[in-house]
Amino acid sequence: MIIMKSYFFILFFLAGLGLMLGQEDQTENLNEVILNTDRIELPFSEQSRTIQVITKMDIQQSAATNLTELLQQVTGVDVRQRGVEGMQADLYIRGGSFDQTLVLIDGIKTENPQTGHHTMNMMIPLENIERIEIIKGPAARIYGQNAFTGAINIVTKKHVETYIKGTAVLGSFDQQLYEIAGAVRLDHSSHQLLYSNVSSDGYRYNTDFKNQNVLLKSKFNTGSVPIDLIATFMERKFGANGFYASPNAKDQYEETQASIVGISSVFTKNDFIFKPKLYWTRGQDMYEFVRGKPEIYRNHHITNKAGAAVDMTYNSKLGITGIGLDLARVFIASNNLGDHNRTMFTTFLEQRFALAGNKLDITPGIAFTYYSDFGSQTFPGIDLGYELAK
């Protein structure tokens, strides 16, 4: 629901299409959660990094209606929002810039090669989120670029029951929200699909908007090797009265698109755990300083990134060893910046030692990154933790 100042506010909610054939278990035990944020397979209770988990129950009990509003409630996370309905927002962790915070979806990096200003364009609907894992503090040793002050991993739901639901909301300023969501659970697979469309004439001059979201999430169990597929498309068109430049710039306009297609899996072999991923992300941004007059000033950028990554964990008498490889190719096409491309390669190695009856853990590690246009950089680091009490 959009909160706006108005003499009249009409809320019409339809949930008559609810066909609930099953209900998910609401019980959660965080001590059993294996964090997707961490490259080493380690339960939440044994982590020594500053990590906060927003659980499915937290999301359900929150008054937030979108991801932007939810993250605004987290201590140490600063979300600076322009407009309503998460129209445009910048994400900061512990005082860093929006270019120093990395967002992942199911462990897949979603950073925009043009600018971190578009980080929050990839917003997963709350009802499709299982939990959110937030690392507060440096994470470049594990994830490389864009994770200097922290990282946020959005974990989508993998286990669902069959249902179909329709929603309609009407409000002031010609607010309209139409959404249909459903899921089907089969013997060897499960599938989720969501489409939403929200629009408004705006609460003041040139603040009208139209948002569309499409999300498909499928899980296939092929023997002992499960395969997860995620595909999203998110589009926003909005008047940006005073969003950028000076407050007097009332005629700005922007259109953005963000999409991702990813395939991932998790499987074990002997003492190894493998997490391979293939992914493609695309971003598009069109900005006009004066709406409808591109001849005055217009920016248009299209970015594409295709990559493959694999994380490996090895359990031995020495402890837990983590190894990761990430190779990606990035393309930027812009009317102002020109056309550019680069190849990026990141690899990391870390070893966790558990001492003093598993109360003390020491995890040294190092990451190496290579950019075809900037050269290479090495990021060493070490984590130490001591358990004072359960």
Protein backbone atom coordinates (compact mmCIF):
# COMPACT_ATOMS: atom_id res chain seq x y z
CA MET A 1 0.00 0.00 0.00
CA ILE A 2 1.27 3.44 -0.87
CA ILE A 3 1.04 5.99 1.93
CA MET A 4 0.15 9.42 0.55
CA LYS A 5 -1.29 12.66 1.90
CA SER A 6 -4.83 12.98 0.65
CA TYR A 7 -8.29 13.83 1.92
CA PHE A 8 -9.60 10.56 0.65
CA PHE A 9 -7.94 7.18 0.65
CA ILE A 10 -9.78 4.14 -0.64
CA LEU A 11 -8.40 0.70 -0.05
CA PHE A 12 -9.97 -2.22 -1.87
CA PHE A 13 -8.42 -5.59 -1.25
CA LEU A 14 -9.37 -8.76 -3.08
CA ALA A 15 -8.10 -12.11 -1.99
CA GLY A 16 -11.06 -14.15 -3.22
CA LEU A 17 -8.94 -16.18 -5.57
CA GLY A 18 -7.07 -17.82 -2.69
CA LEU A 19 -6.90 -21.51 -3.28
CA MET A 20 -4.72 -22.81 -0.52
CA LEU A 21 -4.08 -26.51 -0.90
CA GLY A 22 -1.29 -26.51 1.62
CA GLN A 23 0.42 -24.28 4.15
CA GLU A 24 4.13 -23.98 4.79
CA ASP A 25 5.55 -24.81 8.20
CA GLN A 26 6.20 -21.56 10.10
CA THR A 27 8.73 -23.10 12.49
CA GLU A 28 12.31 -21.98 11.98
CA ASN A 29 15.51 -22.92 13.78
CA LEU A 30 18.29 -20.52 12.91
CA ASN A 31 20.92 -22.77 14.43
CA GLU A 32 20.28 -25.22 11.59
CA VAL A 33 20.46 -22.61 8.82
CA ILE A 34 23.45 -22.86 6.49
CA LEU A 35 24.09 -19.34 5.25
CA ASN A 36 24.23 -18.82 1.50
CA THR A 37 26.12 -15.58 2.19
CA ASP A 38 29.18 -17.48 3.37
CA ARG A 39 31.34 -19.36 0.89
CA ILE A 40 32.25 -21.92 3.59
CA GLU A 41 29.45 -24.30 4.57
CA LEU A 42 28.93 -23.16 8.15
CA PRO A 43 25.84 -23.04 10.39
CA PHE A 44 24.59 -19.64 11.48
CA SER A 45 25.41 -20.43 15.14
CA GLU A 46 29.12 -20.87 14.32
CA GLN A 47 29.62 -17.64 12.36
CA SER A 48 32.24 -15.13 13.53
CA ARG A 49 31.35 -12.41 11.05
CA THR A 50 28.81 -9.71 11.80
CA ILE A 51 25.84 -11.28 10.07
CA GLN A 52 22.15 -10.55 10.51
CA VAL A 53 19.42 -12.80 9.18
CA ILE A 54 15.92 -11.54 8.37
CA THR A 55 13.81 -14.68 8.55
CA LYS A 56 10.58 -15.56 6.82
CA MET A 57 8.75 -14.91 10.09
CA ASP A 58 10.36 -11.47 10.39
CA ILE A 59 9.15 -10.63 6.90
CA GLN A 60 5.61 -11.77 7.63
CA GLN A 61 5.43 -9.77 10.85
CA SER A 62 6.87 -6.62 9.28
CA ALA A 63 4.65 -3.80 8.05
CA ALA A 64 6.90 -3.40 4.99
CA THR A 65 5.31 -3.90 1.59
CA ASN A 66 8.52 -4.13 -0.43
CA LEU A 67 12.21 -4.90 -0.03
CA THR A 68 13.25 -1.26 0.24
CA GLU A 69 10.96 -0.64 3.21
CA LEU A 70 12.10 -3.87 4.87
CA LEU A 71 15.82 -3.04 4.66
CA GLN A 72 15.16 0.45 6.02
CA GLN A 73 14.30 -1.21 9.35
CA VAL A 74 17.71 -2.90 9.72
CA THR A 75 20.27 -1.27 12.02
CA GLY A 76 23.49 -0.44 10.18
CA VAL A 77 21.77 -0.46 6.78
CA ASP A 78 20.90 2.93 5.26
CA VAL A 79 18.39 2.97 2.40
CA ARG A 80 17.80 6.39 0.86
CA GLN A 81 14.59 6.24 -1.10
CA ARG A 82 13.23 8.61 -3.72
CA GLY A 83 9.53 8.41 -4.46
CA VAL A 84 7.25 5.65 -3.20
CA GLU A 85 6.95 1.90 -3.73
CA GLY A 86 10.74 1.59 -3.77
CA MET A 87 10.81 3.59 -6.99
CA GLN A 88 14.48 4.51 -6.73
CA ALA A 89 16.72 3.81 -3.75
CA ASP A 90 20.41 3.73 -2.86
CA LEU A 91 21.80 1.15 -0.45
CA TYR A 92 24.55 1.83 2.10
CA ILE A 93 26.03 -0.35 4.86
CA ARG A 94 27.96 1.14 7.78
CA GLY A 95 28.59 4.47 6.10
CA GLY A 96 29.95 3.15 2.82
CA SER A 97 28.70 4.31 -0.56
CA PHE A 98 26.16 2.53 -2.76
CA ASP A 99 29.08 1.42 -4.95
CA GLN A 100 30.63 -0.40 -1.97
CA THR A 101 27.65 -2.62 -1.13
CA LEU A 102 26.96 -5.84 -3.03
CA VAL A 103 23.52 -7.42 -3.47
CA LEU A 104 23.14 -11.09 -4.36
CA ILE A 105 20.08 -13.18 -5.21
CA ASP A 106 20.51 -16.84 -4.30
CA GLY A 107 24.26 -16.23 -4.22
CA ILE A 108 24.33 -14.63 -7.70
CA LYS A 109 25.89 -11.16 -7.89
CA THR A 110 23.50 -8.55 -9.27
CA GLU A 111 25.76 -5.47 -9.33
CA ASN A 112 25.20 -3.08 -12.23
CA PRO A 113 28.44 -2.49 -14.20
CA GLN A 114 27.47 1.14 -14.82
CA THR A 115 26.81 2.29 -11.23
CA GLY A 116 25.73 1.08 -7.80
CA HIS A 117 22.94 3.65 -8.13
CA HIS A 118 20.93 0.85 -9.79
CA THR A 119 21.59 -1.76 -7.10
CA MET A 120 18.03 -1.72 -5.78
CA ASN A 121 16.44 -2.01 -9.22
CA MET A 122 16.49 -5.79 -8.74
CA MET A 123 13.82 -6.08 -6.03
CA ILE A 124 12.36 -9.52 -5.35
CA PRO A 125 8.74 -9.44 -4.05
CA LEU A 126 8.62 -10.15 -0.32
CA GLU A 127 6.32 -13.13 -0.64
CA ASN A 128 8.95 -14.95 -2.71
CA ILE A 129 11.75 -14.41 -0.17
CA GLU A 130 12.71 -17.13 2.29
CA ARG A 131 15.23 -15.02 4.22
CA ILE A 132 17.76 -12.22 3.80
CA GLU A 133 21.37 -12.57 4.95
CA ILE A 134 23.26 -9.35 5.66
CA ILE A 135 27.05 -9.16 6.14
CA LYS A 136 27.99 -5.92 7.87
CA GLY A 137 31.63 -5.14 7.30
CA PRO A 138 34.30 -5.85 4.67
CA ALA A 139 33.50 -8.81 2.42
CA ALA A 140 35.74 -8.06 -0.57
CA ARG A 141 38.01 -10.97 0.37
CA ILE A 142 35.18 -13.32 -0.51
CA TYR A 143 33.18 -11.45 -3.15
CA GLY A 144 35.69 -9.06 -4.67
CA GLN A 145 34.44 -5.73 -6.04
CA ASN A 146 31.39 -3.90 -4.63
CA ALA A 147 31.52 -5.67 -1.25
CA PHE A 148 33.92 -3.36 0.60
CA THR A 149 31.45 -2.42 3.36
CA GLY A 150 29.10 -5.39 3.22
CA ALA A 151 26.87 -7.68 1.21
CA ILE A 152 23.19 -8.61 1.21
CA ASN A 153 22.04 -12.01 -0.09
CA ILE A 154 18.35 -12.50 -0.87
CA VAL A 155 17.41 -16.18 -0.59
CA THR A 156 14.26 -17.01 -2.52
CA LYS A 157 11.84 -19.72 -1.48
CA LYS A 158 12.72 -23.20 -2.64
CA HIS A 159 10.05 -25.32 -0.95
CA VAL A 160 6.46 -24.32 -1.68
CA GLU A 161 3.00 -25.81 -1.60
CA THR A 162 0.45 -25.54 -4.39
CA TYR A 163 -1.62 -22.35 -4.34
CA ILE A 164 -2.97 -19.52 -6.48
CA LYS A 165 -3.72 -16.02 -5.25
CA GLY A 166 -4.98 -12.82 -6.80
CA THR A 167 -4.80 -9.32 -5.31
CA ALA A 168 -6.22 -5.97 -6.35
CA VAL A 169 -5.67 -2.67 -4.52
CA LEU A 170 -7.17 0.72 -5.40
CA GLY A 171 -6.24 3.97 -3.70
CA SER A 172 -5.97 7.71 -3.94
CA PHE A 173 -4.16 9.42 -6.82
CA ASP A 174 -5.49 6.61 -9.02
CA GLN A 175 -3.29 4.04 -7.34
CA GLN A 176 -3.82 0.59 -8.82
CA LEU A 177 -2.15 -2.68 -7.89
CA TYR A 178 -2.90 -5.96 -9.62
CA GLU A 179 -1.03 -9.10 -8.73
CA ILE A 180 -1.39 -12.78 -9.41
CA ALA A 181 0.86 -15.36 -7.85
CA GLY A 182 0.85 -19.11 -7.79
CA ALA A 183 2.91 -22.19 -7.17
CA VAL A 184 2.66 -25.86 -7.94
CA ARG A 185 4.46 -28.66 -6.19
CA LEU A 186 4.99 -31.87 -8.17
CA ASP A 187 6.68 -35.14 -7.31
CA HIS A 188 10.10 -34.16 -8.66
CA SER A 189 9.87 -30.40 -9.10
CA SER A 190 8.23 -27.21 -7.86
CA HIS A 191 7.46 -23.97 -9.66
CA GLN A 192 6.58 -20.41 -8.58
CA LEU A 193 5.25 -17.64 -10.80
CA LEU A 194 4.37 -14.04 -9.92
CA TYR A 195 3.23 -11.07 -11.97
CA SER A 196 2.47 -7.66 -10.47
CA ASN A 197 1.57 -4.28 -11.93
CA VAL A 198 1.35 -1.16 -9.77
CA SER A 199 0.72 2.36 -11.05
CA SER A 200 -0.33 5.80 -9.83
CA ASP A 201 -0.87 9.32 -11.15
CA GLY A 202 1.48 10.53 -8.39
CA TYR A 203 1.01 12.52 -5.22
CA ARG A 204 2.36 15.71 -6.82
CA TYR A 205 3.35 17.00 -10.25
CA ASN A 206 5.45 14.53 -12.28
CA THR A 207 5.55 11.73 -9.70
CA ASP A 208 3.40 9.28 -11.65
CA PHE A 209 4.77 5.77 -12.04
CA LYS A 210 4.18 2.31 -13.39
CA ASN A 211 6.00 -0.78 -12.13
CA GLN A 212 5.90 -4.30 -13.51
CA ASN A 213 7.47 -7.38 -11.94
CA VAL A 214 7.69 -10.93 -13.27
CA LEU A 215 9.35 -13.75 -11.34
CA LEU A 216 9.74 -17.43 -12.16
CA LYS A 217 11.42 -19.82 -9.74
CA SER A 218 11.69 -23.55 -10.42
CA LYS A 219 13.39 -26.37 -8.58
CA PHE A 220 14.11 -29.66 -10.29
CA ASN A 221 15.26 -32.76 -8.41
CA THR A 222 17.26 -34.81 -10.88
CA GLY A 223 18.48 -37.67 -8.76
CA SER A 224 20.93 -36.45 -6.14
CA VAL A 225 21.75 -33.21 -7.99
CA PRO A 226 18.98 -30.60 -7.56
CA ILE A 227 18.80 -27.77 -10.09
CA ASP A 228 17.41 -24.33 -9.23
CA LEU A 229 16.27 -21.92 -11.94
CA ILE A 230 15.41 -18.27 -11.34
CA ALA A 231 14.28 -15.72 -13.93
CA THR A 232 13.08 -12.19 -13.19
CA PHE A 233 12.13 -9.08 -15.12
CA MET A 234 11.46 -5.76 -13.39
CA GLU A 235 10.51 -2.52 -15.14
CA ARG A 236 9.89 0.95 -13.72
CA LYS A 237 8.70 4.10 -15.47
CA PHE A 238 8.40 7.18 -13.30
CA GLY A 239 8.37 10.93 -13.14
CA ALA A 240 11.40 12.01 -11.09
CA ASN A 241 10.35 15.42 -9.76
CA GLY A 242 13.34 16.64 -7.72
CA PHE A 243 14.93 13.16 -7.55
CA TYR A 244 18.29 14.25 -8.95
CA ALA A 245 20.14 17.48 -9.74
CA SER A 246 18.48 20.32 -7.80
CA PRO A 247 15.03 20.31 -6.16
CA ASN A 248 13.94 22.72 -8.86
CA ALA A 249 14.45 20.07 -11.55
CA LYS A 250 10.78 19.08 -11.60
CA ASP A 251 10.51 17.66 -15.11
CA GLN A 252 12.95 14.75 -14.86
CA TYR A 253 11.88 11.32 -16.07
CA GLU A 254 13.40 7.86 -15.86
CA GLU A 255 12.80 4.33 -17.07
CA THR A 256 14.73 1.32 -15.73
CA GLN A 257 14.77 -2.39 -16.44
CA ALA A 258 16.53 -5.17 -14.53
CA SER A 259 16.52 -8.88 -15.25
CA ILE A 260 18.37 -11.98 -14.21
CA VAL A 261 18.48 -15.60 -15.33
CA GLY A 262 20.40 -18.02 -13.15
CA ILE A 263 20.88 -21.76 -12.84
CA SER A 264 22.52 -23.19 -9.73
CA SER A 265 22.96 -26.45 -7.89
CA VAL A 266 24.47 -27.93 -4.74
CA PHE A 267 25.89 -31.43 -4.56
CA THR A 268 28.42 -33.39 -2.52
CA LYS A 269 31.14 -35.83 -3.46
CA ASN A 270 33.16 -37.50 -0.72
CA ASP A 271 34.20 -34.64 1.61
CA PHE A 272 33.58 -31.92 -0.99
CA ILE A 273 30.53 -29.69 -1.40
CA PHE A 274 30.14 -28.03 -4.80
CA LYS A 275 27.96 -24.99 -5.62
CA PRO A 276 28.11 -24.25 -9.37
CA LYS A 277 26.22 -21.32 -10.95
CA LEU A 278 25.57 -19.97 -14.43
CA TYR A 279 23.98 -16.54 -14.69
CA TRP A 280 23.12 -13.61 -16.94
CA THR A 281 22.04 -10.18 -15.77
CA ARG A 282 20.82 -7.23 -17.80
CA GLY A 283 20.17 -3.62 -16.86
CA GLN A 284 18.75 -0.69 -18.78
CA ASP A 285 18.36 2.93 -17.76
CA MET A 286 16.91 5.84 -19.73
CA TYR A 287 16.95 9.30 -18.13
CA GLU A 288 15.59 12.58 -19.49
CA PHE A 289 16.28 15.88 -17.78
CA VAL A 290 13.10 17.32 -19.29
CA ARG A 291 10.43 14.71 -19.79
CA GLY A 292 9.53 14.16 -23.42
CA LYS A 293 12.41 16.34 -24.66
CA PRO A 294 15.44 14.07 -25.13
CA GLU A 295 17.12 16.69 -27.31
CA ILE A 296 17.82 18.76 -24.15
CA TYR A 297 19.60 15.99 -22.21
CA ARG A 298 19.22 12.23 -22.31
CA ASN A 299 21.18 9.30 -20.89
CA HIS A 300 20.60 5.77 -22.15
CA HIS A 301 22.64 2.82 -20.86
CA ILE A 302 22.32 -0.93 -21.46
CA THR A 303 24.48 -3.33 -19.46
CA ASN A 304 24.90 -7.09 -19.77
CA LYS A 305 26.88 -9.50 -17.65
CA ALA A 306 27.28 -13.24 -18.25
CA GLY A 307 29.21 -15.40 -15.85
CA ALA A 308 29.95 -18.76 -14.30
CA ALA A 309 31.00 -19.45 -10.73
CA VAL A 310 31.68 -22.41 -8.49
CA ASP A 311 32.27 -22.53 -4.73
CA MET A 312 33.83 -25.59 -3.15
CA THR A 313 34.04 -26.61 0.49
CA TYR A 314 36.32 -29.36 1.78
CA ASN A 315 36.10 -30.85 5.26
CA SER A 316 39.27 -32.36 6.71
CA LYS A 317 41.06 -32.84 10.02
CA LEU A 318 42.54 -29.36 9.65
CA GLY A 319 39.07 -27.80 9.48
CA ILE A 320 37.04 -26.38 6.62
CA THR A 321 38.63 -25.20 3.39
CA GLY A 322 36.79 -22.87 1.03
CA ILE A 323 37.72 -22.32 -2.62
CA GLY A 324 35.87 -20.19 -5.13
CA LEU A 325 36.14 -19.23 -8.79
CA ASP A 326 34.09 -16.60 -10.63
CA LEU A 327 34.52 -15.69 -14.31
CA ALA A 328 32.36 -13.04 -16.00
CA ARG A 329 32.17 -10.94 -19.15
CA VAL A 330 30.61 -7.46 -18.91
CA PHE A 331 29.28 -5.19 -21.66
CA ILE A 332 28.13 -1.54 -21.50
CA ALA A 333 26.45 0.32 -24.37
CA SER A 334 25.77 4.01 -23.72
CA ASN A 335 24.97 7.11 -25.75
CA ASN A 336 27.19 9.19 -23.40
CA LEU A 337 29.76 6.74 -22.02
CA GLY A 338 30.33 4.85 -25.26
CA ASP A 339 30.65 1.09 -25.63
CA HIS A 340 32.90 -0.83 -23.25
CA ASN A 341 33.52 -4.42 -22.20
CA ARG A 342 35.71 -6.19 -19.73
CA THR A 343 36.55 -9.67 -18.49
CA MET A 344 36.56 -10.22 -14.73
CA PHE A 345 38.06 -13.14 -12.85
CA THR A 346 37.95 -13.68 -9.09
CA THR A 347 39.28 -16.54 -7.01
CA PHE A 348 39.53 -16.95 -3.27
CA LEU A 349 40.94 -19.41 -0.77
CA GLU A 350 40.30 -19.54 2.97
CA GLN A 351 40.87 -22.06 5.76
CA ARG A 352 38.91 -22.23 9.00
CA PHE A 353 40.69 -23.68 12.03
CA ALA A 354 38.73 -24.62 15.15
CA LEU A 355 40.73 -24.68 18.40
CA ALA A 356 40.17 -24.84 22.16
CA GLY A 357 37.34 -27.32 21.94
CA ASN A 358 35.79 -25.49 18.97
CA LYS A 359 35.41 -22.31 21.03
CA LEU A 360 38.13 -20.44 19.12
CA ASP A 361 38.02 -20.18 15.32
CA ILE A 362 40.60 -18.57 13.06
CA THR A 363 39.92 -18.12 9.34
CA PRO A 364 42.70 -16.61 7.24
CA GLY A 365 42.00 -16.12 3.56
CA ILE A 366 43.01 -14.34 0.39
CA ALA A 367 41.22 -13.29 -2.78
CA PHE A 368 42.68 -12.45 -6.17
CA THR A 369 40.80 -10.42 -8.77
CA TYR A 370 41.69 -9.61 -12.36
CA TYR A 371 40.12 -7.03 -14.68
CA SER A 372 41.08 -6.94 -18.34
CA ASP A 373 41.10 -3.12 -18.30
CA PHE A 374 42.49 -2.44 -14.81
CA GLY A 375 44.86 -5.28 -14.00
CA SER A 376 44.84 -7.36 -10.83
CA GLN A 377 44.40 -6.84 -7.10
CA THR A 378 44.85 -9.04 -4.04
CA PHE A 379 42.68 -8.87 -0.90
CA PRO A 380 44.05 -10.69 2.19
CA GLY A 381 42.19 -10.91 5.48
CA ILE A 382 41.55 -12.91 8.64
CA ASP A 383 38.55 -13.56 10.87
CA LEU A 384 38.81 -14.54 14.53
CA GLY A 385 36.02 -15.55 16.89
CA TYR A 386 35.74 -16.90 20.41
CA GLU A 387 32.58 -18.36 21.86
CA LEU A 388 32.06 -16.95 25.34
CA ALA A 389 28.70 -18.68 25.85
CA LYS A 390 25.97 -20.39 23.90
